[in-house]
Amino acid sequence: MSLQQIFGNRVRELRTARGFTQEDLAEKSGFFRTYISRVETGEANPTLTMIHALAGSLRVDVTDLFDTGPMPDLPVKKTRLSRGRVVK
C-alpha cells in the first residue's frame, strides 16, 4: 500500500465518521468530488495547501490526517538529497 493510499483511507475514515458524502466534503473544501475520490483511492498526491483545506473541512487538526497507526515498510528510493542548488 502506498503512502497516498494510506492517507486516502484516513481521509475516507474521517469523512464517513462525520457523516459526510464525498460531495459534502468537496463542497466544504472547494474541491471537485472527483478529486476527493482520487485522494481517497490514492490516485492523487495532495499538496500541503490541499491537505490543510481537507483538515479544515473535516474539522480536524492536520496531524489527525496522518494518525494512521504503525506505518508499513515502504520501499526507499535512493536519490541524492538536494541542498537547494544544482550541482553539475
N, C-alpha and C. Protein backbone atom coordinates (compact mmCIF):
# COMPACT_ATOMS: atom_id res chain seq x y z
N MET A 1 0.85 -1.17 0.00
CA MET A 1 0.00 0.00 0.00
C MET A 1 0.90 1.24 0.00
N SER A 2 0.57 2.21 -0.86
CA SER A 2 1.38 3.43 -0.96
C SER A 2 0.99 4.43 0.12
N LEU A 3 1.83 5.42 0.31
CA LEU A 3 1.52 6.49 1.26
C LEU A 3 0.24 7.21 0.87
N GLN A 4 0.03 7.40 -0.44
CA GLN A 4 -1.18 8.07 -0.91
C GLN A 4 -2.42 7.25 -0.56
N GLN A 5 -2.34 5.92 -0.67
CA GLN A 5 -3.48 5.07 -0.32
C GLN A 5 -3.74 5.10 1.18
N ILE A 6 -2.69 5.08 1.98
CA ILE A 6 -2.84 5.15 3.43
C ILE A 6 -3.49 6.48 3.82
N PHE A 7 -3.02 7.57 3.24
CA PHE A 7 -3.58 8.89 3.50
C PHE A 7 -5.04 8.94 3.06
N GLY A 8 -5.32 8.43 1.87
CA GLY A 8 -6.68 8.43 1.34
C GLY A 8 -7.64 7.63 2.20
N ASN A 9 -7.18 6.51 2.71
CA ASN A 9 -8.03 5.70 3.61
C ASN A 9 -8.37 6.49 4.87
N ARG A 10 -7.40 7.27 5.37
CA ARG A 10 -7.64 8.07 6.57
C ARG A 10 -8.65 9.18 6.29
N VAL A 11 -8.53 9.82 5.13
CA VAL A 11 -9.49 10.86 4.75
C VAL A 11 -10.88 10.26 4.67
N ARG A 12 -11.01 9.10 4.03
CA ARG A 12 -12.31 8.44 3.91
C ARG A 12 -12.87 8.09 5.30
N GLU A 13 -12.01 7.58 6.16
CA GLU A 13 -12.43 7.21 7.52
C GLU A 13 -12.98 8.43 8.27
N LEU A 14 -12.27 9.54 8.21
CA LEU A 14 -12.72 10.75 8.90
C LEU A 14 -13.98 11.32 8.26
N ARG A 15 -14.05 11.27 6.94
CA ARG A 15 -15.23 11.79 6.23
C ARG A 15 -16.48 11.01 6.61
N THR A 16 -16.39 9.69 6.58
CA THR A 16 -17.57 8.87 6.89
C THR A 16 -17.94 8.97 8.37
N ALA A 17 -16.94 9.14 9.25
CA ALA A 17 -17.22 9.29 10.67
C ALA A 17 -18.03 10.56 10.95
N ARG A 18 -17.87 11.56 10.10
CA ARG A 18 -18.62 12.80 10.25
C ARG A 18 -19.93 12.79 9.48
N GLY A 19 -20.20 11.70 8.79
CA GLY A 19 -21.44 11.58 8.04
C GLY A 19 -21.44 12.38 6.74
N PHE A 20 -20.26 12.73 6.25
CA PHE A 20 -20.16 13.49 5.01
C PHE A 20 -20.10 12.54 3.82
N THR A 21 -20.73 12.95 2.73
CA THR A 21 -20.52 12.27 1.45
C THR A 21 -19.29 12.91 0.81
N GLN A 22 -18.81 12.31 -0.26
CA GLN A 22 -17.71 12.94 -0.99
C GLN A 22 -18.15 14.30 -1.52
N GLU A 23 -19.41 14.40 -1.93
CA GLU A 23 -19.94 15.68 -2.42
C GLU A 23 -19.93 16.73 -1.31
N ASP A 24 -20.31 16.33 -0.09
CA ASP A 24 -20.28 17.25 1.05
C ASP A 24 -18.87 17.77 1.29
N LEU A 25 -17.90 16.86 1.32
CA LEU A 25 -16.51 17.25 1.58
C LEU A 25 -15.99 18.13 0.46
N ALA A 26 -16.36 17.81 -0.76
CA ALA A 26 -15.93 18.62 -1.91
C ALA A 26 -16.46 20.04 -1.78
N GLU A 27 -17.72 20.17 -1.42
CA GLU A 27 -18.33 21.49 -1.27
C GLU A 27 -17.66 22.29 -0.14
N LYS A 28 -17.40 21.62 0.99
CA LYS A 28 -16.80 22.30 2.13
C LYS A 28 -15.34 22.71 1.85
N SER A 29 -14.64 21.90 1.08
CA SER A 29 -13.21 22.16 0.84
C SER A 29 -12.95 22.97 -0.42
N GLY A 30 -13.95 23.09 -1.29
CA GLY A 30 -13.76 23.83 -2.53
C GLY A 30 -13.13 23.00 -3.64
N PHE A 31 -13.10 21.69 -3.47
CA PHE A 31 -12.55 20.80 -4.49
C PHE A 31 -13.68 20.13 -5.27
N PHE A 32 -13.35 19.52 -6.38
CA PHE A 32 -14.32 18.73 -7.12
C PHE A 32 -14.51 17.39 -6.42
N ARG A 33 -15.70 16.80 -6.54
CA ARG A 33 -15.96 15.49 -5.95
C ARG A 33 -15.01 14.45 -6.52
N THR A 34 -14.71 14.56 -7.80
CA THR A 34 -13.80 13.59 -8.43
C THR A 34 -12.40 13.66 -7.83
N TYR A 35 -11.99 14.87 -7.40
CA TYR A 35 -10.68 15.00 -6.75
C TYR A 35 -10.70 14.31 -5.39
N ILE A 36 -11.78 14.49 -4.64
CA ILE A 36 -11.91 13.82 -3.34
C ILE A 36 -11.84 12.31 -3.54
N SER A 37 -12.50 11.81 -4.56
CA SER A 37 -12.45 10.38 -4.87
C SER A 37 -11.02 9.94 -5.17
N ARG A 38 -10.31 10.74 -5.95
CA ARG A 38 -8.92 10.40 -6.29
C ARG A 38 -8.02 10.41 -5.06
N VAL A 39 -8.26 11.35 -4.14
CA VAL A 39 -7.48 11.38 -2.89
C VAL A 39 -7.74 10.10 -2.11
N GLU A 40 -9.03 9.75 -1.97
CA GLU A 40 -9.40 8.59 -1.15
C GLU A 40 -8.92 7.27 -1.73
N THR A 41 -8.75 7.20 -3.03
CA THR A 41 -8.26 5.96 -3.64
C THR A 41 -6.75 5.94 -3.80
N GLY A 42 -6.08 7.04 -3.42
CA GLY A 42 -4.63 7.09 -3.51
C GLY A 42 -4.12 7.46 -4.88
N GLU A 43 -5.01 7.90 -5.77
CA GLU A 43 -4.60 8.28 -7.13
C GLU A 43 -4.07 9.71 -7.18
N ALA A 44 -4.39 10.52 -6.17
CA ALA A 44 -3.92 11.90 -6.13
C ALA A 44 -2.88 12.05 -5.03
N ASN A 45 -2.00 13.00 -5.21
CA ASN A 45 -0.96 13.30 -4.23
C ASN A 45 -1.15 14.75 -3.81
N PRO A 46 -2.01 15.01 -2.80
CA PRO A 46 -2.36 16.38 -2.45
C PRO A 46 -1.18 17.20 -1.94
N THR A 47 -1.23 18.49 -2.27
CA THR A 47 -0.21 19.42 -1.79
C THR A 47 -0.49 19.76 -0.32
N LEU A 48 0.44 20.44 0.30
CA LEU A 48 0.25 20.86 1.69
C LEU A 48 -0.96 21.79 1.82
N THR A 49 -1.16 22.65 0.85
CA THR A 49 -2.31 23.55 0.86
C THR A 49 -3.61 22.76 0.82
N MET A 50 -3.65 21.74 -0.01
CA MET A 50 -4.86 20.91 -0.12
C MET A 50 -5.08 20.08 1.15
N ILE A 51 -4.01 19.59 1.73
CA ILE A 51 -4.11 18.83 2.99
C ILE A 51 -4.68 19.74 4.07
N HIS A 52 -4.22 20.97 4.12
CA HIS A 52 -4.71 21.93 5.11
C HIS A 52 -6.21 22.19 4.89
N ALA A 53 -6.63 22.34 3.65
CA ALA A 53 -8.05 22.57 3.34
C ALA A 53 -8.89 21.36 3.71
N LEU A 54 -8.39 20.16 3.46
CA LEU A 54 -9.13 18.94 3.82
C LEU A 54 -9.29 18.85 5.33
N ALA A 55 -8.22 19.13 6.06
CA ALA A 55 -8.29 19.07 7.53
C ALA A 55 -9.31 20.07 8.06
N GLY A 56 -9.29 21.29 7.55
CA GLY A 56 -10.25 22.30 7.99
C GLY A 56 -11.68 21.89 7.67
N SER A 57 -11.90 21.33 6.50
CA SER A 57 -13.24 20.90 6.10
C SER A 57 -13.75 19.74 6.94
N LEU A 58 -12.82 18.88 7.37
CA LEU A 58 -13.19 17.74 8.22
C LEU A 58 -13.21 18.13 9.70
N ARG A 59 -12.82 19.38 10.00
CA ARG A 59 -12.77 19.89 11.37
C ARG A 59 -11.84 19.05 12.25
N VAL A 60 -10.66 18.77 11.70
CA VAL A 60 -9.63 18.04 12.44
C VAL A 60 -8.31 18.79 12.29
N ASP A 61 -7.38 18.50 13.16
CA ASP A 61 -6.04 19.04 13.04
C ASP A 61 -5.34 18.32 11.88
N VAL A 62 -4.44 19.00 11.22
CA VAL A 62 -3.71 18.39 10.11
C VAL A 62 -3.06 17.07 10.53
N THR A 63 -2.53 17.03 11.74
CA THR A 63 -1.87 15.82 12.21
C THR A 63 -2.82 14.63 12.29
N ASP A 64 -4.11 14.89 12.49
CA ASP A 64 -5.10 13.80 12.54
C ASP A 64 -5.21 13.08 11.21
N LEU A 65 -4.91 13.76 10.12
CA LEU A 65 -4.95 13.12 8.80
C LEU A 65 -3.83 12.09 8.64
N PHE A 66 -2.81 12.20 9.47
CA PHE A 66 -1.67 11.29 9.38
C PHE A 66 -1.63 10.29 10.52
N ASP A 67 -2.63 10.32 11.38
CA ASP A 67 -2.71 9.39 12.51
C ASP A 67 -3.30 8.07 12.02
N THR A 68 -2.45 7.24 11.44
CA THR A 68 -2.92 6.00 10.81
C THR A 68 -2.37 4.76 11.50
N GLY A 69 -1.74 4.93 12.64
CA GLY A 69 -1.14 3.77 13.31
C GLY A 69 0.24 3.50 12.74
N PRO A 70 0.76 2.31 13.01
CA PRO A 70 2.11 1.99 12.54
C PRO A 70 2.19 2.04 11.01
N MET A 71 3.23 2.65 10.52
CA MET A 71 3.43 2.73 9.08
C MET A 71 4.04 1.44 8.57
N PRO A 72 3.55 0.96 7.43
CA PRO A 72 4.14 -0.25 6.85
C PRO A 72 5.52 0.06 6.28
N ASP A 73 6.31 -0.97 6.09
CA ASP A 73 7.61 -0.79 5.44
C ASP A 73 7.36 -0.46 3.98
N LEU A 74 7.88 0.66 3.56
CA LEU A 74 7.73 1.10 2.18
C LEU A 74 9.09 1.06 1.51
N PRO A 75 9.11 0.79 0.21
CA PRO A 75 10.40 0.79 -0.48
C PRO A 75 11.01 2.19 -0.44
N VAL A 76 12.30 2.25 -0.25
CA VAL A 76 13.02 3.52 -0.17
C VAL A 76 13.74 3.75 -1.49
N LYS A 77 13.45 4.90 -2.10
CA LYS A 77 14.14 5.24 -3.34
C LYS A 77 15.48 5.86 -2.99
N LYS A 78 16.49 5.45 -3.69
CA LYS A 78 17.82 6.02 -3.46
C LYS A 78 17.96 7.24 -4.37
N THR A 79 17.86 8.41 -3.76
CA THR A 79 18.00 9.65 -4.50
C THR A 79 19.00 10.53 -3.79
N ARG A 80 19.60 11.41 -4.55
CA ARG A 80 20.51 12.38 -3.95
C ARG A 80 19.70 13.46 -3.27
N LEU A 81 20.12 13.84 -2.11
CA LEU A 81 19.45 14.92 -1.40
C LEU A 81 19.83 16.25 -2.02
N SER A 82 18.85 17.10 -2.16
CA SER A 82 19.08 18.43 -2.70
C SER A 82 19.36 19.39 -1.55
N ARG A 83 20.32 20.22 -1.74
CA ARG A 83 20.61 21.24 -0.74
C ARG A 83 20.20 22.62 -1.28
N GLY A 84 19.29 22.61 -2.26
CA GLY A 84 18.80 23.86 -2.81
C GLY A 84 19.64 24.42 -3.95
N ARG A 85 20.60 23.65 -4.41
CA ARG A 85 21.37 24.13 -5.54
C ARG A 85 21.59 22.95 -6.49
N VAL A 86 21.81 23.29 -7.73
CA VAL A 86 22.04 22.28 -8.74
C VAL A 86 23.53 22.09 -8.91
N VAL A 87 23.95 20.84 -8.81
CA VAL A 87 25.37 20.52 -8.98
C VAL A 87 25.51 19.72 -10.25
N LYS A 88 26.38 20.20 -11.14
CA LYS A 88 26.58 19.51 -12.43
C LYS A 88 27.91 18.83 -12.48
